[in-house]
Amino acid sequence: MADDIFKALADPTRRTILDELTERSGQTLFELCGRLTMKHQLTMSRQAVSQHLSVLEEAGLVESRREGRYKFHDIDPEPLRHITARWIRPDTGEGTS
């Protein structure tokens, strides 16, 4: 699972997609393509953005839902919490060196 997450996060375009979904969750592919073009000057085909979304979905970082003929994409930060919990422990109140 962690390998999929790191692979997904390794690509700057996918990180930008996650940034956009963090800023405004529940976007369609059309909306994402528009925001990537207008805000980030990333001109990609809808198919390319869809492939990036697939990688993010496989890693569990994005969830999609269908409503009628539209497919909406939402970020799921839970897998990132599991990874950070692996190395970052809550403060125990004891000093560290």
C-alpha atoms as a PDB file:
ATOM      1  CA  MET A   1       0.000   0.000   0.000  1.00  0.00           C
ATOM      2  CA  ALA A   2       2.729   2.500   0.919  1.00  0.00           C
ATOM      3  CA  ASP A   3       4.521   1.805  -2.377  1.00  0.00           C
ATOM      4  CA  ASP A   4       1.403   2.841  -4.322  1.00  0.00           C
ATOM      5  CA  ILE A   5       1.114   6.027  -2.309  1.00  0.00           C
ATOM      6  CA  PHE A   6       4.747   6.994  -2.830  1.00  0.00           C
ATOM      7  CA  LYS A   7       4.480   6.198  -6.534  1.00  0.00           C
ATOM      8  CA  ALA A   8       1.380   8.384  -6.794  1.00  0.00           C
ATOM      9  CA  LEU A   9       3.013  11.254  -4.914  1.00  0.00           C
ATOM     10  CA  ALA A  10       6.233  11.066  -6.946  1.00  0.00           C
ATOM     11  CA  ASP A  11       4.639  12.811  -9.922  1.00  0.00           C
ATOM     12  CA  PRO A  12       4.302  16.618  -9.653  1.00  0.00           C
ATOM     13  CA  THR A  13       1.132  16.641 -11.765  1.00  0.00           C
ATOM     14  CA  ARG A  14      -0.578  14.231  -9.387  1.00  0.00           C
ATOM     15  CA  ARG A  15       0.478  16.373  -6.429  1.00  0.00           C
ATOM     16  CA  THR A  16      -1.067  19.372  -8.180  1.00  0.00           C
ATOM     17  CA  ILE A  17      -4.293  17.415  -8.723  1.00  0.00           C
ATOM     18  CA  LEU A  18      -4.347  16.591  -4.999  1.00  0.00           C
ATOM     19  CA  ASP A  19      -3.778  20.280  -4.210  1.00  0.00           C
ATOM     20  CA  GLU A  20      -6.773  21.179  -6.366  1.00  0.00           C
ATOM     21  CA  LEU A  21      -8.969  18.541  -4.744  1.00  0.00           C
ATOM     22  CA  THR A  22      -7.867  19.742  -1.306  1.00  0.00           C
ATOM     23  CA  GLU A  23      -8.856  23.277  -2.229  1.00  0.00           C
ATOM     24  CA  ARG A  24     -12.175  22.200  -3.754  1.00  0.00           C
ATOM     25  CA  SER A  25     -13.327  18.636  -3.315  1.00  0.00           C
ATOM     26  CA  GLY A  26     -15.936  16.978  -5.517  1.00  0.00           C
ATOM     27  CA  GLN A  27     -14.697  18.124  -8.918  1.00  0.00           C
ATOM     28  CA  THR A  28     -15.509  16.506 -12.226  1.00  0.00           C
ATOM     29  CA  LEU A  29     -12.823  15.661 -14.767  1.00  0.00           C
ATOM     30  CA  PHE A  30     -13.900  18.679 -16.817  1.00  0.00           C
ATOM     31  CA  GLU A  31     -13.535  21.012 -13.821  1.00  0.00           C
ATOM     32  CA  LEU A  32     -10.132  19.592 -12.905  1.00  0.00           C
ATOM     33  CA  CYS A  33      -8.841  19.998 -16.455  1.00  0.00           C
ATOM     34  CA  GLY A  34      -9.996  23.612 -16.489  1.00  0.00           C
ATOM     35  CA  ARG A  35      -8.401  24.435 -13.152  1.00  0.00           C
ATOM     36  CA  LEU A  36      -5.127  22.737 -14.092  1.00  0.00           C
ATOM     37  CA  THR A  37      -4.993  24.776 -17.300  1.00  0.00           C
ATOM     38  CA  MET A  38      -6.034  28.130 -15.835  1.00  0.00           C
ATOM     39  CA  LYS A  39      -4.215  28.063 -12.489  1.00  0.00           C
ATOM     40  CA  HIS A  40      -1.158  25.953 -13.268  1.00  0.00           C
ATOM     41  CA  GLN A  41      -0.717  26.269 -17.046  1.00  0.00           C
ATOM     42  CA  LEU A  42      -0.835  22.474 -17.317  1.00  0.00           C
ATOM     43  CA  THR A  43      -2.365  21.686 -20.673  1.00  0.00           C
ATOM     44  CA  MET A  44      -3.104  17.987 -20.817  1.00  0.00           C
ATOM     45  CA  SER A  45      -5.737  15.920 -22.505  1.00  0.00           C
ATOM     46  CA  ARG A  46      -8.698  14.753 -20.463  1.00  0.00           C
ATOM     47  CA  GLN A  47      -7.379  11.219 -20.963  1.00  0.00           C
ATOM     48  CA  ALA A  48      -4.020  12.145 -19.386  1.00  0.00           C
ATOM     49  CA  VAL A  49      -5.722  13.718 -16.355  1.00  0.00           C
ATOM     50  CA  SER A  50      -7.981  10.667 -16.106  1.00  0.00           C
ATOM     51  CA  GLN A  51      -4.926   8.389 -16.040  1.00  0.00           C
ATOM     52  CA  HIS A  52      -3.392  10.452 -13.233  1.00  0.00           C
ATOM     53  CA  LEU A  53      -6.672  10.206 -11.326  1.00  0.00           C
ATOM     54  CA  SER A  54      -6.620   6.420 -11.787  1.00  0.00           C
ATOM     55  CA  VAL A  55      -3.177   6.188 -10.198  1.00  0.00           C
ATOM     56  CA  LEU A  56      -4.372   8.337  -7.295  1.00  0.00           C
ATOM     57  CA  GLU A  57      -7.476   6.164  -6.896  1.00  0.00           C
ATOM     58  CA  GLU A  58      -5.411   2.958  -6.906  1.00  0.00           C
ATOM     59  CA  ALA A  59      -3.290   4.438  -4.125  1.00  0.00           C
ATOM     60  CA  GLY A  60      -6.439   5.270  -2.162  1.00  0.00           C
ATOM     61  CA  LEU A  61      -5.765   9.018  -2.248  1.00  0.00           C
ATOM     62  CA  VAL A  62      -8.775   9.871  -4.391  1.00  0.00           C
ATOM     63  CA  GLU A  63     -12.300   8.494  -4.302  1.00  0.00           C
ATOM     64  CA  SER A  64     -14.783   8.921  -7.114  1.00  0.00           C
ATOM     65  CA  ARG A  65     -18.559   8.808  -7.055  1.00  0.00           C
ATOM     66  CA  ARG A  66     -21.137   8.869  -9.803  1.00  0.00           C
ATOM     67  CA  GLU A  67     -24.192  11.048  -9.705  1.00  0.00           C
ATOM     68  CA  GLY A  68     -26.201  10.640 -12.863  1.00  0.00           C
ATOM     69  CA  ARG A  69     -23.919  11.167 -15.801  1.00  0.00           C
ATOM     70  CA  TYR A  70     -21.270  12.974 -13.762  1.00  0.00           C
ATOM     71  CA  LYS A  71     -18.311  11.491 -11.912  1.00  0.00           C
ATOM     72  CA  PHE A  72     -17.020  13.506  -8.966  1.00  0.00           C
ATOM     73  CA  HIS A  73     -13.557  13.168  -7.415  1.00  0.00           C
ATOM     74  CA  ASP A  74     -12.740  13.703  -3.744  1.00  0.00           C
ATOM     75  CA  ILE A  75      -9.437  13.557  -1.911  1.00  0.00           C
ATOM     76  CA  ASP A  76      -9.040  10.950   0.825  1.00  0.00           C
ATOM     77  CA  PRO A  77      -6.147  11.951   3.123  1.00  0.00           C
ATOM     78  CA  GLU A  78      -6.473   8.847   5.321  1.00  0.00           C
ATOM     79  CA  PRO A  79      -3.677   6.870   3.562  1.00  0.00           C
ATOM     80  CA  LEU A  80      -1.326   9.807   4.202  1.00  0.00           C
ATOM     81  CA  ARG A  81      -2.182   9.698   7.906  1.00  0.00           C
ATOM     82  CA  HIS A  82      -1.217   6.020   8.015  1.00  0.00           C
ATOM     83  CA  ILE A  83       2.147   6.747   6.416  1.00  0.00           C
ATOM     84  CA  THR A  84       2.953   9.647   8.716  1.00  0.00           C
ATOM     85  CA  ALA A  85       1.911   7.598  11.736  1.00  0.00           C
ATOM     86  CA  ARG A  86       4.529   5.069  10.685  1.00  0.00           C
ATOM     87  CA  TRP A  87       7.400   7.461  11.442  1.00  0.00           C
ATOM     88  CA  ILE A  88       5.929  10.334  13.448  1.00  0.00           C
ATOM     89  CA  ARG A  89       4.875   9.438  16.940  1.00  0.00           C
ATOM     90  CA  PRO A  90       2.685  11.642  19.139  1.00  0.00           C
ATOM     91  CA  ASP A  91       4.599  13.775  21.592  1.00  0.00           C
ATOM     92  CA  THR A  92       5.019  11.769  24.778  1.00  0.00           C
ATOM     93  CA  GLY A  93       6.069  14.769  26.816  1.00  0.00           C
ATOM     94  CA  GLU A  94       9.618  13.470  27.111  1.00  0.00           C
ATOM     95  CA  GLY A  95      12.487  15.499  25.759  1.00  0.00           C
ATOM     96  CA  THR A  96      14.241  14.339  22.618  1.00  0.00           C
ATOM     97  CA  SER A  97      17.782  14.965  21.639  1.00  0.00           C
END
